[in-house]
Every structure is written in C-alpha cells, then in structure tokens.
Amino acid sequence: MPAQSPAEPVADPIVSLEGLSFGYGDRLILEEISLSLRAGTVNALMGGSGCGKTPLLRLITGQLRPVAG
C-alpha cells in the first residue's frame, strides 16, 4: 500500500470506536477497543474462535450496545 503524501487530505473516519468495552453479564469479551476505519480502505478483522470478532461487528452495526465507550 503506497504511503499517503502530506498534500493529500486525510478522510474522516466512517467508523470510529474509542474505549469500547462489551461483555455478557460478568464476562467481559472486549475491553477498551479503539478503532478507526476510513472510506476507500480495505480492512480485515482476524482472530481465533471466540475472541470477539462477531460481537465487535454487531457493536459497529448497532445490533449490540457496549457497556462502555
């Protein structure tokens, strides 16, 4: 991926998470996640089974509510 030149404006993020935490009951699944996704970029969410990928996507789309952030 080519580096962005200083003359190019940096697009505002279309998704921005700051200090997001989520859990089920007393079990914390995601803790203080910060993430910015910008238009025109390709992003991947990778991790092992049960690490919180699906809850993170559901939080981004508003299907779940965070406990913080």
N, C-alpha and C. Protein backbone atom coordinates (compact mmCIF):
# COMPACT_ATOMS: atom_id res chain seq x y z
N MET A 1 0.85 -1.17 0.00
CA MET A 1 0.00 0.00 0.00
C MET A 1 0.90 1.24 0.00
N PRO A 2 0.71 2.13 -0.96
CA PRO A 2 1.57 3.31 -1.02
C PRO A 2 1.30 4.25 0.15
N ALA A 3 2.34 4.90 0.60
CA ALA A 3 2.20 5.87 1.68
C ALA A 3 1.44 7.09 1.18
N GLN A 4 0.66 7.67 2.05
CA GLN A 4 -0.12 8.85 1.70
C GLN A 4 0.80 10.08 1.72
N SER A 5 0.75 10.87 0.67
CA SER A 5 1.60 12.06 0.64
C SER A 5 1.01 13.13 1.56
N PRO A 6 1.85 14.01 2.11
CA PRO A 6 1.36 15.04 3.02
C PRO A 6 0.35 15.98 2.38
N ALA A 7 0.36 16.12 1.04
CA ALA A 7 -0.56 17.03 0.37
C ALA A 7 -1.98 16.49 0.31
N GLU A 8 -2.15 15.15 0.44
CA GLU A 8 -3.48 14.56 0.36
C GLU A 8 -4.21 14.74 1.69
N PRO A 9 -5.46 15.18 1.65
CA PRO A 9 -6.21 15.31 2.90
C PRO A 9 -6.56 13.93 3.45
N VAL A 10 -6.53 13.81 4.75
CA VAL A 10 -6.89 12.55 5.41
C VAL A 10 -8.40 12.56 5.62
N ALA A 11 -9.07 11.56 5.08
CA ALA A 11 -10.53 11.48 5.19
C ALA A 11 -10.93 11.20 6.63
N ASP A 12 -12.05 11.77 7.03
CA ASP A 12 -12.60 11.49 8.35
C ASP A 12 -13.00 10.03 8.41
N PRO A 13 -12.89 9.41 9.57
CA PRO A 13 -13.30 8.01 9.66
C PRO A 13 -14.81 7.85 9.47
N ILE A 14 -15.19 6.74 8.83
CA ILE A 14 -16.62 6.44 8.70
C ILE A 14 -17.09 5.62 9.89
N VAL A 15 -16.14 4.96 10.57
CA VAL A 15 -16.40 4.24 11.82
C VAL A 15 -15.29 4.61 12.77
N SER A 16 -15.66 5.02 13.98
CA SER A 16 -14.66 5.36 14.98
C SER A 16 -15.12 4.82 16.34
N LEU A 17 -14.29 4.01 16.95
CA LEU A 17 -14.57 3.46 18.28
C LEU A 17 -13.48 3.95 19.22
N GLU A 18 -13.87 4.38 20.40
CA GLU A 18 -12.93 4.85 21.41
C GLU A 18 -13.25 4.21 22.75
N GLY A 19 -12.36 3.40 23.26
CA GLY A 19 -12.52 2.80 24.57
C GLY A 19 -13.74 1.90 24.70
N LEU A 20 -14.09 1.19 23.64
CA LEU A 20 -15.27 0.35 23.62
C LEU A 20 -15.06 -0.92 24.44
N SER A 21 -15.99 -1.22 25.33
CA SER A 21 -15.96 -2.45 26.10
C SER A 21 -17.31 -3.12 26.00
N PHE A 22 -17.32 -4.46 26.00
CA PHE A 22 -18.56 -5.21 25.87
C PHE A 22 -18.42 -6.55 26.58
N GLY A 23 -19.49 -6.98 27.17
CA GLY A 23 -19.50 -8.29 27.81
C GLY A 23 -20.90 -8.80 27.98
N TYR A 24 -20.99 -10.06 28.32
CA TYR A 24 -22.25 -10.71 28.64
C TYR A 24 -22.27 -10.96 30.14
N GLY A 25 -23.14 -10.25 30.87
CA GLY A 25 -23.18 -10.41 32.33
C GLY A 25 -21.85 -9.97 32.93
N ASP A 26 -21.26 -10.85 33.74
CA ASP A 26 -19.98 -10.55 34.39
C ASP A 26 -18.78 -10.87 33.50
N ARG A 27 -19.00 -11.48 32.35
CA ARG A 27 -17.90 -11.89 31.47
C ARG A 27 -17.60 -10.80 30.44
N LEU A 28 -16.44 -10.18 30.56
CA LEU A 28 -16.02 -9.12 29.64
C LEU A 28 -15.40 -9.77 28.40
N ILE A 29 -15.95 -9.45 27.22
CA ILE A 29 -15.49 -10.04 25.96
C ILE A 29 -14.49 -9.11 25.27
N LEU A 30 -14.81 -7.83 25.18
CA LEU A 30 -13.95 -6.83 24.56
C LEU A 30 -13.67 -5.74 25.58
N GLU A 31 -12.43 -5.33 25.71
CA GLU A 31 -12.08 -4.32 26.71
C GLU A 31 -11.27 -3.19 26.08
N GLU A 32 -11.82 -1.97 26.15
CA GLU A 32 -11.17 -0.74 25.70
C GLU A 32 -10.61 -0.85 24.28
N ILE A 33 -11.48 -1.19 23.34
CA ILE A 33 -11.11 -1.28 21.93
C ILE A 33 -11.20 0.10 21.29
N SER A 34 -10.17 0.51 20.59
CA SER A 34 -10.18 1.76 19.82
C SER A 34 -9.84 1.42 18.38
N LEU A 35 -10.64 1.97 17.46
CA LEU A 35 -10.52 1.60 16.05
C LEU A 35 -11.08 2.72 15.19
N SER A 36 -10.41 3.03 14.09
CA SER A 36 -10.92 3.99 13.11
C SER A 36 -10.84 3.35 11.73
N LEU A 37 -11.94 3.39 10.99
CA LEU A 37 -12.00 2.87 9.63
C LEU A 37 -12.34 4.02 8.70
N ARG A 38 -11.58 4.16 7.65
CA ARG A 38 -11.76 5.27 6.71
C ARG A 38 -12.34 4.77 5.39
N ALA A 39 -13.09 5.63 4.74
CA ALA A 39 -13.67 5.31 3.44
C ALA A 39 -12.56 5.04 2.43
N GLY A 40 -12.81 4.09 1.54
CA GLY A 40 -11.85 3.79 0.49
C GLY A 40 -10.73 2.86 0.90
N THR A 41 -10.79 2.32 2.11
CA THR A 41 -9.77 1.39 2.56
C THR A 41 -10.38 -0.01 2.69
N VAL A 42 -9.54 -0.99 2.63
CA VAL A 42 -9.96 -2.38 2.84
C VAL A 42 -9.40 -2.80 4.20
N ASN A 43 -10.27 -3.32 5.06
CA ASN A 43 -9.87 -3.72 6.40
C ASN A 43 -10.25 -5.16 6.63
N ALA A 44 -9.51 -5.84 7.48
CA ALA A 44 -9.80 -7.23 7.83
C ALA A 44 -9.85 -7.34 9.34
N LEU A 45 -10.74 -8.18 9.81
CA LEU A 45 -10.86 -8.47 11.24
C LEU A 45 -10.51 -9.94 11.40
N MET A 46 -9.39 -10.21 12.05
CA MET A 46 -8.90 -11.58 12.16
C MET A 46 -8.68 -11.93 13.63
N GLY A 47 -8.86 -13.20 13.93
CA GLY A 47 -8.61 -13.68 15.28
C GLY A 47 -9.13 -15.09 15.44
N GLY A 48 -8.76 -15.70 16.52
CA GLY A 48 -9.17 -17.06 16.80
C GLY A 48 -10.64 -17.17 17.15
N SER A 49 -11.11 -18.40 17.19
CA SER A 49 -12.51 -18.67 17.54
C SER A 49 -12.79 -18.18 18.95
N GLY A 50 -13.88 -17.42 19.09
CA GLY A 50 -14.30 -16.96 20.40
C GLY A 50 -13.60 -15.72 20.92
N CYS A 51 -12.84 -15.02 20.07
CA CYS A 51 -12.09 -13.85 20.55
C CYS A 51 -12.89 -12.55 20.49
N GLY A 52 -14.10 -12.56 19.88
CA GLY A 52 -14.94 -11.36 19.89
C GLY A 52 -15.12 -10.68 18.56
N LYS A 53 -14.80 -11.35 17.46
CA LYS A 53 -14.96 -10.72 16.13
C LYS A 53 -16.43 -10.41 15.84
N THR A 54 -17.30 -11.38 16.02
CA THR A 54 -18.73 -11.18 15.72
C THR A 54 -19.35 -10.14 16.65
N PRO A 55 -19.12 -10.18 17.97
CA PRO A 55 -19.66 -9.10 18.81
C PRO A 55 -19.17 -7.71 18.40
N LEU A 56 -17.90 -7.61 17.97
CA LEU A 56 -17.38 -6.31 17.52
C LEU A 56 -18.15 -5.82 16.30
N LEU A 57 -18.37 -6.69 15.33
CA LEU A 57 -19.14 -6.30 14.14
C LEU A 57 -20.57 -5.94 14.51
N ARG A 58 -21.17 -6.66 15.44
CA ARG A 58 -22.53 -6.35 15.88
C ARG A 58 -22.59 -5.04 16.64
N LEU A 59 -21.54 -4.69 17.36
CA LEU A 59 -21.47 -3.39 18.03
C LEU A 59 -21.37 -2.27 17.01
N ILE A 60 -20.53 -2.46 15.98
CA ILE A 60 -20.37 -1.43 14.95
C ILE A 60 -21.68 -1.18 14.23
N THR A 61 -22.45 -2.23 13.97
CA THR A 61 -23.71 -2.08 13.23
C THR A 61 -24.90 -1.75 14.12
N GLY A 62 -24.68 -1.62 15.43
CA GLY A 62 -25.76 -1.21 16.32
C GLY A 62 -26.66 -2.34 16.79
N GLN A 63 -26.30 -3.57 16.53
CA GLN A 63 -27.11 -4.70 16.96
C GLN A 63 -26.93 -4.99 18.45
N LEU A 64 -25.78 -4.58 19.01
CA LEU A 64 -25.50 -4.74 20.43
C LEU A 64 -25.11 -3.38 21.00
N ARG A 65 -25.26 -3.21 22.30
CA ARG A 65 -24.88 -1.98 22.98
C ARG A 65 -23.66 -2.25 23.85
N PRO A 66 -22.66 -1.36 23.79
CA PRO A 66 -21.46 -1.55 24.62
C PRO A 66 -21.74 -1.22 26.09
N VAL A 67 -20.93 -1.75 26.98
CA VAL A 67 -21.03 -1.38 28.39
C VAL A 67 -20.25 -0.10 28.66
N ALA A 68 -19.30 0.23 27.76
CA ALA A 68 -18.53 1.48 27.87
C ALA A 68 -18.02 1.84 26.47
N GLY A 69 -17.77 3.13 26.27
CA GLY A 69 -17.20 3.59 25.01
C GLY A 69 -18.23 4.11 24.04
